[in-house]
Protein backbone atom coordinates (compact mmCIF):
# COMPACT_ATOMS: atom_id res chain seq x y z
CA UNK A 1 0.00 0.00 0.00
CA UNK A 2 2.98 2.32 0.52
CA UNK A 3 3.88 2.13 -3.16
CA UNK A 4 0.35 2.16 -4.59
CA UNK A 5 -0.25 5.50 -6.32
CA UNK A 6 -3.77 5.78 -4.85
CA UNK A 7 -2.76 5.20 -1.21
CA UNK A 8 0.92 6.12 -0.85
CA UNK A 9 0.15 9.58 0.60
CA UNK A 10 -1.49 7.89 3.59
CA UNK A 11 1.84 6.30 4.51
CA UNK A 12 4.19 9.28 4.11
CA UNK A 13 4.90 9.52 7.85
CA UNK A 14 4.16 5.92 8.78
CA UNK A 15 6.95 3.57 9.84
CA UNK A 16 6.45 -0.20 10.03
CA UNK A 17 6.50 -1.51 13.57
CA UNK A 18 5.57 -4.50 15.69
CA UNK A 19 2.17 -4.42 17.38
CA UNK A 20 1.62 -5.57 20.95
CA UNK A 21 -1.12 -8.09 21.64
CA UNK A 22 -3.19 -5.48 23.49
CA UNK A 23 -3.19 -3.30 20.36
CA UNK A 24 -4.88 -6.04 18.34
CA UNK A 25 -8.48 -7.04 18.02
CA UNK A 26 -8.90 -10.80 18.05
CA UNK A 27 -11.89 -12.58 16.54
CA UNK A 28 -12.82 -16.24 16.41
CA UNK A 29 -15.11 -18.07 14.04
CA UNK A 30 -15.64 -21.78 13.47
CA UNK A 31 -12.57 -22.19 11.31
CA UNK A 32 -10.05 -19.45 12.10
CA UNK A 33 -8.66 -16.88 14.51
CA UNK A 34 -8.38 -13.38 13.09
CA UNK A 35 -5.90 -10.78 14.37
CA UNK A 36 -6.65 -7.22 13.27
CA UNK A 37 -4.66 -4.01 13.75
CA UNK A 38 -5.20 -0.36 12.93
CA UNK A 39 -2.27 1.69 11.63
CA UNK A 40 -3.72 4.89 13.13
CA UNK A 41 -3.75 6.75 9.82
CA UNK A 42 -6.90 8.76 10.42
CA UNK A 43 -10.27 9.08 8.74
CA UNK A 44 -9.00 10.32 5.36
CA UNK A 45 -7.16 7.00 4.96
CA UNK A 46 -9.81 4.78 6.56
CA UNK A 47 -9.88 2.35 3.64
CA UNK A 48 -6.21 1.39 4.19
CA UNK A 49 -5.94 1.97 7.94
CA UNK A 50 -5.33 -1.60 8.97
CA UNK A 51 -4.77 -5.21 8.15
CA UNK A 52 -5.73 -8.59 9.40
CA UNK A 53 -4.11 -11.98 9.63
CA UNK A 54 -6.20 -15.13 9.59
CA UNK A 55 -4.85 -18.34 11.09
CA UNK A 56 -6.78 -21.59 10.67
CA UNK A 57 -7.73 -23.09 14.04
CA UNK A 58 -6.27 -26.43 12.89
CA UNK A 59 -2.83 -24.80 13.03
CA UNK A 60 -3.49 -23.43 16.52
CA UNK A 61 -5.04 -26.52 18.14
CA UNK A 62 -1.91 -27.56 20.02
CA UNK A 63 -1.63 -24.05 21.55
CA UNK A 64 -5.30 -23.77 22.55
CA UNK A 65 -5.57 -26.87 24.75
C-alpha atoms as a PDB file:
ATOM      1  CA  UNK A   1       0.000   0.000   0.000  1.00  0.00           C
ATOM      2  CA  UNK A   2       2.983   2.316   0.517  1.00  0.00           C
ATOM      3  CA  UNK A   3       3.879   2.126  -3.160  1.00  0.00           C
ATOM      4  CA  UNK A   4       0.345   2.163  -4.588  1.00  0.00           C
ATOM      5  CA  UNK A   5      -0.254   5.498  -6.322  1.00  0.00           C
ATOM      6  CA  UNK A   6      -3.772   5.784  -4.848  1.00  0.00           C
ATOM      7  CA  UNK A   7      -2.758   5.201  -1.213  1.00  0.00           C
ATOM      8  CA  UNK A   8       0.920   6.120  -0.853  1.00  0.00           C
ATOM      9  CA  UNK A   9       0.151   9.585   0.599  1.00  0.00           C
ATOM     10  CA  UNK A  10      -1.495   7.892   3.588  1.00  0.00           C
ATOM     11  CA  UNK A  11       1.842   6.297   4.505  1.00  0.00           C
ATOM     12  CA  UNK A  12       4.191   9.278   4.108  1.00  0.00           C
ATOM     13  CA  UNK A  13       4.902   9.521   7.852  1.00  0.00           C
ATOM     14  CA  UNK A  14       4.161   5.917   8.775  1.00  0.00           C
ATOM     15  CA  UNK A  15       6.947   3.568   9.837  1.00  0.00           C
ATOM     16  CA  UNK A  16       6.451  -0.201  10.034  1.00  0.00           C
ATOM     17  CA  UNK A  17       6.499  -1.511  13.573  1.00  0.00           C
ATOM     18  CA  UNK A  18       5.567  -4.502  15.687  1.00  0.00           C
ATOM     19  CA  UNK A  19       2.174  -4.422  17.383  1.00  0.00           C
ATOM     20  CA  UNK A  20       1.625  -5.573  20.955  1.00  0.00           C
ATOM     21  CA  UNK A  21      -1.118  -8.093  21.638  1.00  0.00           C
ATOM     22  CA  UNK A  22      -3.190  -5.482  23.494  1.00  0.00           C
ATOM     23  CA  UNK A  23      -3.192  -3.299  20.359  1.00  0.00           C
ATOM     24  CA  UNK A  24      -4.882  -6.035  18.339  1.00  0.00           C
ATOM     25  CA  UNK A  25      -8.479  -7.040  18.024  1.00  0.00           C
ATOM     26  CA  UNK A  26      -8.895 -10.799  18.046  1.00  0.00           C
ATOM     27  CA  UNK A  27     -11.888 -12.580  16.542  1.00  0.00           C
ATOM     28  CA  UNK A  28     -12.822 -16.242  16.407  1.00  0.00           C
ATOM     29  CA  UNK A  29     -15.108 -18.066  14.043  1.00  0.00           C
ATOM     30  CA  UNK A  30     -15.642 -21.780  13.474  1.00  0.00           C
ATOM     31  CA  UNK A  31     -12.568 -22.187  11.310  1.00  0.00           C
ATOM     32  CA  UNK A  32     -10.050 -19.450  12.096  1.00  0.00           C
ATOM     33  CA  UNK A  33      -8.662 -16.882  14.513  1.00  0.00           C
ATOM     34  CA  UNK A  34      -8.380 -13.378  13.092  1.00  0.00           C
ATOM     35  CA  UNK A  35      -5.896 -10.781  14.372  1.00  0.00           C
ATOM     36  CA  UNK A  36      -6.654  -7.225  13.268  1.00  0.00           C
ATOM     37  CA  UNK A  37      -4.661  -4.013  13.753  1.00  0.00           C
ATOM     38  CA  UNK A  38      -5.201  -0.358  12.931  1.00  0.00           C
ATOM     39  CA  UNK A  39      -2.272   1.690  11.631  1.00  0.00           C
ATOM     40  CA  UNK A  40      -3.718   4.891  13.129  1.00  0.00           C
ATOM     41  CA  UNK A  41      -3.746   6.747   9.815  1.00  0.00           C
ATOM     42  CA  UNK A  42      -6.902   8.761  10.422  1.00  0.00           C
ATOM     43  CA  UNK A  43     -10.270   9.080   8.738  1.00  0.00           C
ATOM     44  CA  UNK A  44      -8.999  10.319   5.363  1.00  0.00           C
ATOM     45  CA  UNK A  45      -7.161   7.002   4.959  1.00  0.00           C
ATOM     46  CA  UNK A  46      -9.805   4.783   6.564  1.00  0.00           C
ATOM     47  CA  UNK A  47      -9.884   2.345   3.643  1.00  0.00           C
ATOM     48  CA  UNK A  48      -6.208   1.387   4.191  1.00  0.00           C
ATOM     49  CA  UNK A  49      -5.940   1.972   7.944  1.00  0.00           C
ATOM     50  CA  UNK A  50      -5.333  -1.602   8.975  1.00  0.00           C
ATOM     51  CA  UNK A  51      -4.769  -5.205   8.149  1.00  0.00           C
ATOM     52  CA  UNK A  52      -5.732  -8.595   9.403  1.00  0.00           C
ATOM     53  CA  UNK A  53      -4.108 -11.978   9.634  1.00  0.00           C
ATOM     54  CA  UNK A  54      -6.204 -15.129   9.595  1.00  0.00           C
ATOM     55  CA  UNK A  55      -4.852 -18.342  11.093  1.00  0.00           C
ATOM     56  CA  UNK A  56      -6.777 -21.590  10.672  1.00  0.00           C
ATOM     57  CA  UNK A  57      -7.732 -23.094  14.038  1.00  0.00           C
ATOM     58  CA  UNK A  58      -6.275 -26.430  12.893  1.00  0.00           C
ATOM     59  CA  UNK A  59      -2.830 -24.805  13.033  1.00  0.00           C
ATOM     60  CA  UNK A  60      -3.492 -23.429  16.521  1.00  0.00           C
ATOM     61  CA  UNK A  61      -5.037 -26.520  18.139  1.00  0.00           C
ATOM     62  CA  UNK A  62      -1.909 -27.561  20.021  1.00  0.00           C
ATOM     63  CA  UNK A  63      -1.631 -24.050  21.553  1.00  0.00           C
ATOM     64  CA  UNK A  64      -5.304 -23.768  22.552  1.00  0.00           C
ATOM     65  CA  UNK A  65      -5.570 -26.865  24.751  1.00  0.00           C
END
